[in-house]
Amino acid sequence: MCGHVARLDSCRFLIRAAERGDVPSLVRLRLANAERHVQLDPVIYRVPDIEAMRRHCEEVLSAESKVLILIAEVAGEVVGRVEVVLLADPPEHSILIPRRAAEIHTVVLDGHRGKSVGSALVMAAEQAAAERGASILYAGIFTPNKEAVRFYSSAGFGARGTLLSKEPGVPVQPPA
């Protein structure tokens, strides 16, 4: 879908690879995403330094990167993005079957949610990941974010394992 004009739900938008000139818009999207996540769980999430976000976007767009950023434009305004992050193959000693995998991270500005922009970005990310040899995509959700679970589930993503965590030194609570 890169460079493709999509028309879904009476909304016309363009999906294309991000360019260096898109960095201010990418920072705006990352900031909006960070603020939304802090509202969901301020113990896990923070709003990173804007300059650090800008540097990250510039590095990803200027080098041979394992990260591809696709954006959605409506009437010339960047309203969404998806990052496709190619993951390292499991090491030779791993019990996992080697499969090229990628993570995706999708953001759509509030005023453009529910208009198929996110769905088009995920479809484009799936195509881009497959073109780069990925045979599986992951969308990590680290908080009870029902909206994100619903969104990715509607795009065909399903639960795959369980990620457990423990902070060192925190005593184990007996079962109630």
C-alpha atoms as a PDB file:
ATOM      1  CA  MET A   1       0.000   0.000   0.000  1.00  0.00           C
ATOM      2  CA  CYS A   2       2.987   2.318   0.107  1.00  0.00           C
ATOM      3  CA  GLY A   3       2.265   5.310  -2.068  1.00  0.00           C
ATOM      4  CA  HIS A   4      -1.268   4.047  -2.473  1.00  0.00           C
ATOM      5  CA  VAL A   5      -4.365   6.168  -2.110  1.00  0.00           C
ATOM      6  CA  ALA A   6      -6.906   4.246  -0.070  1.00  0.00           C
ATOM      7  CA  ARG A   7     -10.579   4.988   0.056  1.00  0.00           C
ATOM      8  CA  LEU A   8     -12.314   3.362   2.990  1.00  0.00           C
ATOM      9  CA  ASP A   9     -15.370   4.563   4.903  1.00  0.00           C
ATOM     10  CA  SER A  10     -15.657   7.633   2.640  1.00  0.00           C
ATOM     11  CA  CYS A  11     -12.272   8.857   3.867  1.00  0.00           C
ATOM     12  CA  ARG A  12      -9.559   9.408   1.289  1.00  0.00           C
ATOM     13  CA  PHE A  13      -5.987   9.093   2.508  1.00  0.00           C
ATOM     14  CA  LEU A  14      -2.518   8.250   1.283  1.00  0.00           C
ATOM     15  CA  ILE A  15      -0.258   5.593   2.822  1.00  0.00           C
ATOM     16  CA  ARG A  16       3.433   6.121   2.060  1.00  0.00           C
ATOM     17  CA  ALA A  17       6.910   5.683   3.495  1.00  0.00           C
ATOM     18  CA  ALA A  18       7.915   8.490   5.838  1.00  0.00           C
ATOM     19  CA  GLU A  19      10.570  10.942   4.683  1.00  0.00           C
ATOM     20  CA  ARG A  20      12.895  13.312   6.538  1.00  0.00           C
ATOM     21  CA  GLY A  21      10.487  16.183   5.994  1.00  0.00           C
ATOM     22  CA  ASP A  22       7.891  14.234   8.005  1.00  0.00           C
ATOM     23  CA  VAL A  23       9.946  14.301  11.223  1.00  0.00           C
ATOM     24  CA  PRO A  24       7.918  17.112  12.899  1.00  0.00           C
ATOM     25  CA  SER A  25       4.692  15.207  12.187  1.00  0.00           C
ATOM     26  CA  LEU A  26       6.203  11.947  13.426  1.00  0.00           C
ATOM     27  CA  VAL A  27       7.262  13.641  16.665  1.00  0.00           C
ATOM     28  CA  ARG A  28       3.727  15.035  17.058  1.00  0.00           C
ATOM     29  CA  LEU A  29       2.287  11.515  16.619  1.00  0.00           C
ATOM     30  CA  ARG A  30       4.776   9.990  19.088  1.00  0.00           C
ATOM     31  CA  LEU A  31       3.959  12.713  21.613  1.00  0.00           C
ATOM     32  CA  ALA A  32       0.200  12.121  21.251  1.00  0.00           C
ATOM     33  CA  ASN A  33       0.788   8.380  21.652  1.00  0.00           C
ATOM     34  CA  ALA A  34       2.954   8.872  24.747  1.00  0.00           C
ATOM     35  CA  GLU A  35       0.375  11.153  26.372  1.00  0.00           C
ATOM     36  CA  ARG A  36      -2.394   8.602  25.706  1.00  0.00           C
ATOM     37  CA  HIS A  37      -0.315   5.789  27.220  1.00  0.00           C
ATOM     38  CA  VAL A  38       0.603   7.824  30.314  1.00  0.00           C
ATOM     39  CA  GLN A  39      -3.139   8.242  30.910  1.00  0.00           C
ATOM     40  CA  LEU A  40      -3.538   4.455  30.673  1.00  0.00           C
ATOM     41  CA  ASP A  41      -0.717   3.578  33.071  1.00  0.00           C
ATOM     42  CA  PRO A  42       1.649   6.240  34.444  1.00  0.00           C
ATOM     43  CA  VAL A  43       3.620   3.568  36.327  1.00  0.00           C
ATOM     44  CA  ILE A  44       4.817   2.039  33.037  1.00  0.00           C
ATOM     45  CA  TYR A  45       4.698   4.896  30.531  1.00  0.00           C
ATOM     46  CA  ARG A  46       6.230   8.353  30.292  1.00  0.00           C
ATOM     47  CA  VAL A  47       6.417  11.190  27.814  1.00  0.00           C
ATOM     48  CA  PRO A  48       9.974  11.105  26.422  1.00  0.00           C
ATOM     49  CA  ASP A  49      11.986  14.220  25.728  1.00  0.00           C
ATOM     50  CA  ILE A  50      10.823  15.786  22.452  1.00  0.00           C
ATOM     51  CA  GLU A  51      14.404  16.231  21.261  1.00  0.00           C
ATOM     52  CA  ALA A  52      15.079  12.519  21.864  1.00  0.00           C
ATOM     53  CA  MET A  53      11.967  11.658  19.837  1.00  0.00           C
ATOM     54  CA  ARG A  54      13.149  13.914  17.018  1.00  0.00           C
ATOM     55  CA  ARG A  55      16.620  12.326  17.009  1.00  0.00           C
ATOM     56  CA  HIS A  56      15.101   8.840  16.926  1.00  0.00           C
ATOM     57  CA  CYS A  57      12.913   9.700  13.934  1.00  0.00           C
ATOM     58  CA  GLU A  58      15.820  11.289  12.066  1.00  0.00           C
ATOM     59  CA  GLU A  59      18.082   8.290  12.756  1.00  0.00           C
ATOM     60  CA  VAL A  60      15.456   5.823  11.557  1.00  0.00           C
ATOM     61  CA  LEU A  61      14.851   7.800   8.372  1.00  0.00           C
ATOM     62  CA  SER A  62      18.488   8.565   7.551  1.00  0.00           C
ATOM     63  CA  ALA A  63      20.249   5.226   7.928  1.00  0.00           C
ATOM     64  CA  GLU A  64      19.993   1.642   6.850  1.00  0.00           C
ATOM     65  CA  SER A  65      17.559   0.839   9.589  1.00  0.00           C
ATOM     66  CA  LYS A  66      15.633  -2.217  10.657  1.00  0.00           C
ATOM     67  CA  VAL A  67      12.721   0.147  11.226  1.00  0.00           C
ATOM     68  CA  LEU A  68      10.362   1.262   8.485  1.00  0.00           C
ATOM     69  CA  ILE A  69       7.884   4.039   9.173  1.00  0.00           C
ATOM     70  CA  LEU A  70       4.770   4.329   7.033  1.00  0.00           C
ATOM     71  CA  ILE A  71       2.461   7.298   7.374  1.00  0.00           C
ATOM     72  CA  ALA A  72      -1.146   8.083   6.552  1.00  0.00           C
ATOM     73  CA  GLU A  73      -1.970  11.494   5.094  1.00  0.00           C
ATOM     74  CA  VAL A  74      -5.389  13.093   4.825  1.00  0.00           C
ATOM     75  CA  ALA A  75      -5.526  16.274   2.746  1.00  0.00           C
ATOM     76  CA  GLY A  76      -1.749  16.663   3.131  1.00  0.00           C
ATOM     77  CA  GLU A  77      -1.792  16.271   6.932  1.00  0.00           C
ATOM     78  CA  VAL A  78      -0.004  13.321   8.565  1.00  0.00           C
ATOM     79  CA  VAL A  79      -2.681  11.718  10.758  1.00  0.00           C
ATOM     80  CA  GLY A  80      -1.201   8.303  11.505  1.00  0.00           C
ATOM     81  CA  ARG A  81       1.879   6.162  11.361  1.00  0.00           C
ATOM     82  CA  VAL A  82       2.981   2.596  11.797  1.00  0.00           C
ATOM     83  CA  GLU A  83       6.506   1.509  12.644  1.00  0.00           C
ATOM     84  CA  VAL A  84       7.614  -1.874  11.345  1.00  0.00           C
ATOM     85  CA  VAL A  85      10.567  -3.091  13.423  1.00  0.00           C
ATOM     86  CA  LEU A  86      12.355  -6.164  12.057  1.00  0.00           C
ATOM     87  CA  LEU A  87      13.469  -8.384  14.927  1.00  0.00           C
ATOM     88  CA  ALA A  88      16.656 -10.399  15.145  1.00  0.00           C
ATOM     89  CA  ASP A  89      16.285 -14.073  14.310  1.00  0.00           C
ATOM     90  CA  PRO A  90      16.470 -16.430  17.299  1.00  0.00           C
ATOM     91  CA  PRO A  91      20.075 -17.494  17.972  1.00  0.00           C
ATOM     92  CA  GLU A  92      21.267 -20.836  16.665  1.00  0.00           C
ATOM     93  CA  HIS A  93      21.118 -22.374  20.165  1.00  0.00           C
ATOM     94  CA  SER A  94      17.478 -21.339  20.710  1.00  0.00           C
ATOM     95  CA  ILE A  95      14.681 -23.885  20.934  1.00  0.00           C
ATOM     96  CA  LEU A  96      12.494 -21.550  18.864  1.00  0.00           C
ATOM     97  CA  ILE A  97      12.084 -22.354  15.193  1.00  0.00           C
ATOM     98  CA  PRO A  98      13.858 -19.552  13.315  1.00  0.00           C
ATOM     99  CA  ARG A  99      11.253 -17.251  11.803  1.00  0.00           C
ATOM    100  CA  ARG A 100      11.785 -13.706  10.652  1.00  0.00           C
ATOM    101  CA  ALA A 101       9.504 -11.554  12.792  1.00  0.00           C
ATOM    102  CA  ALA A 102       8.574  -7.898  13.051  1.00  0.00           C
ATOM    103  CA  GLU A 103       6.874  -5.754  15.653  1.00  0.00           C
ATOM    104  CA  ILE A 104       4.437  -3.074  14.640  1.00  0.00           C
ATOM    105  CA  HIS A 105       3.459   0.061  16.529  1.00  0.00           C
ATOM    106  CA  THR A 106       0.469   1.988  15.193  1.00  0.00           C
ATOM    107  CA  VAL A 107      -0.696   5.502  16.074  1.00  0.00           C
ATOM    108  CA  VAL A 108      -3.650   7.422  14.637  1.00  0.00           C
ATOM    109  CA  LEU A 109      -4.599  10.891  15.859  1.00  0.00           C
ATOM    110  CA  ASP A 110      -7.860  10.992  17.817  1.00  0.00           C
ATOM    111  CA  GLY A 111      -9.841  12.906  15.190  1.00  0.00           C
ATOM    112  CA  HIS A 112      -9.066  10.240  12.578  1.00  0.00           C
ATOM    113  CA  ARG A 113      -9.716   7.077  14.580  1.00  0.00           C
ATOM    114  CA  GLY A 114     -12.569   4.868  13.455  1.00  0.00           C
ATOM    115  CA  LYS A 115     -12.139   5.910   9.807  1.00  0.00           C
ATOM    116  CA  SER A 116     -10.066   2.893   8.654  1.00  0.00           C
ATOM    117  CA  VAL A 117      -6.775   4.813   8.739  1.00  0.00           C
ATOM    118  CA  GLY A 118      -5.299   2.432  11.316  1.00  0.00           C
ATOM    119  CA  SER A 119      -6.552  -0.614   9.416  1.00  0.00           C
ATOM    120  CA  ALA A 120      -4.941   0.631   6.209  1.00  0.00           C
ATOM    121  CA  LEU A 121      -1.672   1.292   8.055  1.00  0.00           C
ATOM    122  CA  VAL A 122      -1.651  -2.230   9.515  1.00  0.00           C
ATOM    123  CA  MET A 123      -2.361  -3.770   6.088  1.00  0.00           C
ATOM    124  CA  ALA A 124       0.499  -1.741   4.602  1.00  0.00           C
ATOM    125  CA  ALA A 125       2.773  -2.763   7.492  1.00  0.00           C
ATOM    126  CA  GLU A 126       1.902  -6.417   6.945  1.00  0.00           C
ATOM    127  CA  GLN A 127       2.777  -6.121   3.259  1.00  0.00           C
ATOM    128  CA  ALA A 128       6.026  -4.247   3.979  1.00  0.00           C
ATOM    129  CA  ALA A 129       7.064  -6.786   6.631  1.00  0.00           C
ATOM    130  CA  ALA A 130       6.363  -9.697   4.279  1.00  0.00           C
ATOM    131  CA  GLU A 131       8.413  -8.006   1.541  1.00  0.00           C
ATOM    132  CA  ARG A 132      11.300  -7.891   4.040  1.00  0.00           C
ATOM    133  CA  GLY A 133      10.955 -11.597   4.810  1.00  0.00           C
ATOM    134  CA  ALA A 134       8.901 -11.474   8.011  1.00  0.00           C
ATOM    135  CA  SER A 135       6.536 -14.389   8.450  1.00  0.00           C
ATOM    136  CA  ILE A 136       4.950 -13.192  11.691  1.00  0.00           C
ATOM    137  CA  LEU A 137       4.011  -9.813  13.174  1.00  0.00           C
ATOM    138  CA  TYR A 138       3.754  -8.897  16.835  1.00  0.00           C
ATOM    139  CA  ALA A 139       1.856  -6.005  18.374  1.00  0.00           C
ATOM    140  CA  GLY A 140       2.923  -5.700  22.003  1.00  0.00           C
ATOM    141  CA  ILE A 141       0.393  -4.182  24.381  1.00  0.00           C
ATOM    142  CA  PHE A 142       1.800  -3.700  27.894  1.00  0.00           C
ATOM    143  CA  THR A 143      -1.231  -2.377  29.725  1.00  0.00           C
ATOM    144  CA  PRO A 144      -4.936  -3.163  29.951  1.00  0.00           C
ATOM    145  CA  ASN A 145      -5.511  -1.222  26.735  1.00  0.00           C
ATOM    146  CA  LYS A 146      -8.809  -2.717  25.581  1.00  0.00           C
ATOM    147  CA  GLU A 147      -9.016  -0.343  22.623  1.00  0.00           C
ATOM    148  CA  ALA A 148      -5.646  -1.538  21.269  1.00  0.00           C
ATOM    149  CA  VAL A 149      -6.501  -5.192  21.902  1.00  0.00           C
ATOM    150  CA  ARG A 150      -9.798  -4.744  20.027  1.00  0.00           C
ATOM    151  CA  PHE A 151      -8.080  -2.895  17.155  1.00  0.00           C
ATOM    152  CA  TYR A 152      -5.326  -5.463  16.613  1.00  0.00           C
ATOM    153  CA  SER A 153      -7.718  -8.388  17.133  1.00  0.00           C
ATOM    154  CA  SER A 154      -9.948  -6.997  14.379  1.00  0.00           C
ATOM    155  CA  ALA A 155      -6.862  -6.983  12.120  1.00  0.00           C
ATOM    156  CA  GLY A 156      -6.295 -10.709  12.742  1.00  0.00           C
ATOM    157  CA  PHE A 157      -3.796 -10.568  15.615  1.00  0.00           C
ATOM    158  CA  GLY A 158      -4.272 -13.077  18.410  1.00  0.00           C
ATOM    159  CA  ALA A 159      -2.740 -13.865  21.763  1.00  0.00           C
ATOM    160  CA  ARG A 160       0.601 -15.629  21.536  1.00  0.00           C
ATOM    161  CA  GLY A 161       2.016 -16.714  24.856  1.00  0.00           C
ATOM    162  CA  THR A 162       2.140 -14.743  28.052  1.00  0.00           C
ATOM    163  CA  LEU A 163       4.676 -12.161  29.141  1.00  0.00           C
ATOM    164  CA  LEU A 164       5.187 -12.257  32.901  1.00  0.00           C
ATOM    165  CA  SER A 165       7.235  -9.724  34.826  1.00  0.00           C
ATOM    166  CA  LYS A 166       8.559  -9.182  38.333  1.00  0.00           C
ATOM    167  CA  GLU A 167      10.492  -6.313  39.804  1.00  0.00           C
ATOM    168  CA  PRO A 168      13.578  -7.585  41.674  1.00  0.00           C
ATOM    169  CA  GLY A 169      13.316  -7.170  45.427  1.00  0.00           C
ATOM    170  CA  VAL A 170       9.525  -6.840  45.500  1.00  0.00           C
ATOM    171  CA  PRO A 171       8.181  -9.457  47.917  1.00  0.00           C
ATOM    172  CA  VAL A 172       5.822 -12.107  46.608  1.00  0.00           C
ATOM    173  CA  GLN A 173       2.252 -11.517  47.759  1.00  0.00           C
ATOM    174  CA  PRO A 174       0.516 -14.642  49.073  1.00  0.00           C
ATOM    175  CA  PRO A 175      -2.614 -15.636  47.137  1.00  0.00           C
ATOM    176  CA  ALA A 176      -5.822 -14.171  48.532  1.00  0.00           C
END
